[in-house]
Every structure is written in structure tokens, then in C-alpha cells.
Amino acid sequence: MNSIKIILLNFHEIRRRSLKLWNGIPNEYLNWKPDENAFTIIEMIRHILEGEHLFHQIIENRGDLGDYQSPWKELTYTDLENEITFSKKYRAEFLNMINDLNESDLKNIKIERKEVGQNKILGDYLNRIAYHEAVHTGQLLDYLRTIGINRPQIWD
């Protein structure tokens, strides 16, 4: 298995586990948050989905976001199914972009984000994107523990 296939496998596995978690959260808790400054559960899920699209745009523009406008900007929070359905097109575009890469792209394409002082090779940057979702999945597991409700078994 080459690096591209391993990266794709990692993205698929992380999302599979995220979906397992998200779908196990009762609807009545989607607007819960641990404190006033935190994301609600549904906001965190959108942050993950929208963030992946933002990261995709960063890659496409090699770090320069220009006048990026999020497709989520005008979308009202309703429910989990709406969030997932809305994001499917953008997820497919992101994964197709990765699939179209070759091994040399992972070390030769540079992502430079001057506004945050970040200069990474694409392979590193893709792994950081996956890590972003994984971290928030852990946060959501903690939210559920704090609420005192059952947490879906994502470690299968």
C-alpha cells in the first residue's frame, strides 16, 4: 500500500469512527456545551466538516485563502443528518483531490500559511488535517462523559 492509500485509509477510518460517535448522540443533546465559551455538540460537528473544506481550500491555494467564503456561512443549524448531507459533496472533492496526488506531491508540494507562520510539506499537512478531526472526536467523547450519557463504542 502506498502513502496516498494509507492517508486515504486514515481519513476514512477517522470519519467512520466520527460518524459512529455522532450518530450515537441523542438529538436532545446537540445544543449542549460544557461552558459558555465552548462549541455546542452540533457546532463542533460542523466545525469538523467545515474545517475539512477550509483545509482543502488551503491545499488547493498552497496556503493562501484569499477571499475564502465558506459554503456553510448561510446554513442554519438543524440536525446531524443535514450537516452530514450538506458536507458530502465537499468531502468527496477533498478525498478525490488526495486520490489524484502522487507520492512525490506529498514531499514536493509546499503549503505556506504566512498569517500563522506555517510552512509544511503536503504529506505533513494532510496528517495534521486528520489529527484535527481526531482531536475533536476525543473532545466529543469527553462531552458525553460529562453529560453522563452512554458513549458509542468507536474502538472496534
Protein backbone atom coordinates (compact mmCIF):
# COMPACT_ATOMS: atom_id res chain seq x y z
CA MET A 1 0.00 0.00 0.00
CA ASN A 2 1.46 3.38 -0.97
CA SER A 3 1.41 6.58 1.08
CA ILE A 4 -1.63 8.01 -0.71
CA LYS A 5 -3.68 4.89 0.01
CA ILE A 6 -2.58 4.93 3.66
CA ILE A 7 -3.54 8.59 4.02
CA LEU A 8 -6.94 7.89 2.46
CA LEU A 9 -7.44 4.88 4.73
CA ASN A 10 -6.68 7.09 7.73
CA PHE A 11 -9.22 9.72 6.63
CA HIS A 12 -11.87 7.05 6.04
CA GLU A 13 -11.23 5.38 9.40
CA ILE A 14 -11.34 8.63 11.34
CA ARG A 15 -14.59 9.67 9.66
CA ARG A 16 -16.13 6.21 10.14
CA ARG A 17 -15.47 6.48 13.87
CA SER A 18 -16.66 10.09 13.99
CA LEU A 19 -19.93 9.13 12.31
CA LYS A 20 -20.36 6.26 14.73
CA LEU A 21 -19.97 8.72 17.58
CA TRP A 22 -22.10 11.48 16.08
CA ASN A 23 -24.95 9.13 15.24
CA GLY A 24 -24.93 7.85 18.81
CA ILE A 25 -25.60 11.28 20.31
CA PRO A 26 -29.27 11.79 21.20
CA ASN A 27 -30.77 14.79 19.36
CA GLU A 28 -31.73 16.48 22.60
CA TYR A 29 -28.03 16.94 23.43
CA LEU A 30 -26.90 18.52 20.14
CA ASN A 31 -27.03 22.03 21.64
CA TRP A 32 -25.25 21.07 24.87
CA LYS A 33 -21.86 22.60 25.66
CA PRO A 34 -19.68 22.33 28.76
CA ASP A 35 -19.34 26.09 29.25
CA GLU A 36 -20.32 29.40 27.69
CA ASN A 37 -17.12 29.68 25.61
CA ALA A 38 -17.23 26.16 24.15
CA PHE A 39 -18.78 24.82 20.97
CA THR A 40 -22.10 23.06 21.29
CA ILE A 41 -22.03 19.47 20.07
CA ILE A 42 -23.61 20.39 16.72
CA GLU A 43 -21.26 23.37 16.35
CA MET A 44 -18.25 21.12 16.90
CA ILE A 45 -19.50 18.66 14.30
CA ARG A 46 -19.94 21.50 11.81
CA HIS A 47 -16.51 22.84 12.74
CA ILE A 48 -15.02 19.46 11.79
CA LEU A 49 -16.93 19.24 8.50
CA GLU A 50 -16.40 22.87 7.54
CA GLY A 51 -12.78 22.75 8.67
CA GLU A 52 -12.04 19.93 6.26
CA HIS A 53 -13.32 22.08 3.39
CA LEU A 54 -11.25 25.03 4.61
CA PHE A 55 -8.14 22.82 4.76
CA HIS A 56 -8.89 21.59 1.24
CA GLN A 57 -9.00 25.19 0.01
CA ILE A 58 -5.73 25.92 1.80
CA ILE A 59 -4.13 22.99 -0.05
CA GLU A 60 -5.60 23.99 -3.42
CA ASN A 61 -4.23 27.53 -2.97
CA ARG A 62 -0.94 26.37 -1.41
CA GLY A 63 -1.71 28.24 1.79
CA ASP A 64 -3.33 31.44 0.51
CA LEU A 65 -7.02 31.63 1.37
CA GLY A 66 -7.58 34.95 -0.37
CA ASP A 67 -11.26 35.89 -0.02
CA TYR A 68 -12.45 32.44 1.02
CA GLN A 69 -16.20 32.25 1.66
CA SER A 70 -17.45 29.20 3.48
CA PRO A 71 -20.37 27.35 1.88
CA TRP A 72 -21.62 26.83 5.46
CA LYS A 73 -21.86 30.57 6.10
CA GLU A 74 -25.62 30.84 5.50
CA LEU A 75 -26.53 27.30 6.59
CA THR A 76 -28.76 27.16 9.67
CA TYR A 77 -28.06 24.53 12.30
CA THR A 78 -30.88 22.00 12.17
CA ASP A 79 -29.78 18.43 12.79
CA LEU A 80 -26.95 15.99 12.30
CA GLU A 81 -28.34 14.48 9.10
CA ASN A 82 -28.47 17.91 7.45
CA GLU A 83 -24.87 18.65 8.45
CA ILE A 84 -23.61 15.34 7.08
CA THR A 85 -25.64 15.54 3.87
CA PHE A 86 -24.50 19.10 3.17
CA SER A 87 -20.85 18.14 3.62
CA LYS A 88 -20.85 15.02 1.41
CA LYS A 89 -20.07 16.87 -1.82
CA TYR A 90 -17.15 18.70 -0.21
CA ARG A 91 -15.86 15.52 1.43
CA ALA A 92 -15.89 13.73 -1.94
CA GLU A 93 -13.98 16.60 -3.59
CA PHE A 94 -11.40 16.54 -0.80
CA LEU A 95 -10.85 12.77 -1.00
CA ASN A 96 -10.70 12.91 -4.82
CA MET A 97 -8.01 15.57 -4.57
CA ILE A 98 -5.97 13.30 -2.31
CA ASN A 99 -6.55 10.30 -4.58
CA ASP A 100 -5.27 12.30 -7.57
CA LEU A 101 -1.95 13.04 -5.84
CA ASN A 102 1.20 11.07 -6.44
CA GLU A 103 3.91 10.11 -3.98
CA SER A 104 6.21 12.96 -4.98
CA ASP A 105 3.44 15.51 -4.36
CA LEU A 106 3.48 14.60 -0.67
CA LYS A 107 7.04 15.85 -0.25
CA ASN A 108 7.30 18.43 -3.04
CA ILE A 109 4.12 20.49 -2.64
CA LYS A 110 4.57 23.17 0.00
CA ILE A 111 1.74 24.69 2.00
CA GLU A 112 2.78 28.08 3.30
CA ARG A 113 0.40 29.97 5.58
CA LYS A 114 2.15 33.25 6.24
CA GLU A 115 -0.58 34.56 8.54
CA VAL A 116 0.18 31.80 11.07
CA GLY A 117 3.87 31.31 10.30
CA GLN A 118 3.34 27.79 8.97
CA ASN A 119 5.33 26.14 6.19
CA LYS A 120 4.65 22.43 5.72
CA ILE A 121 5.02 19.79 3.05
CA LEU A 122 1.72 18.37 1.81
CA GLY A 123 2.16 14.93 3.41
CA ASP A 124 2.64 16.54 6.82
CA TYR A 125 -0.25 18.92 6.27
CA LEU A 126 -2.66 16.11 5.35
CA ASN A 127 -1.80 14.28 8.55
CA ARG A 128 -2.46 17.44 10.56
CA ILE A 129 -5.91 17.68 8.96
CA ALA A 130 -6.72 14.14 10.04
CA TYR A 131 -5.45 14.90 13.54
CA HIS A 132 -7.83 17.88 13.76
CA GLU A 133 -10.88 15.63 13.39
CA ALA A 134 -9.46 13.00 15.73
CA VAL A 135 -8.86 15.56 18.49
CA HIS A 136 -12.40 16.90 18.24
CA THR A 137 -13.76 13.34 18.32
CA GLY A 138 -11.98 12.93 21.64
CA GLN A 139 -13.48 16.17 22.88
CA LEU A 140 -16.96 14.99 21.96
CA LEU A 141 -16.38 11.74 23.84
CA ASP A 142 -15.48 13.84 26.86
CA TYR A 143 -18.64 15.94 26.39
CA LEU A 144 -20.73 12.76 26.55
CA ARG A 145 -18.86 11.56 29.64
CA THR A 146 -19.51 14.94 31.28
CA ILE A 147 -23.21 14.82 30.40
CA GLY A 148 -23.34 11.31 31.82
CA ILE A 149 -24.75 9.53 28.79
CA ASN A 150 -23.51 6.37 27.11
CA ARG A 151 -20.69 6.82 24.66
CA PRO A 152 -20.77 4.81 21.43
CA GLN A 153 -18.03 2.18 21.17
CA ILE A 154 -15.80 3.62 18.45
CA TRP A 155 -12.85 1.33 19.20
CA ASP A 156 -13.89 -1.69 17.18
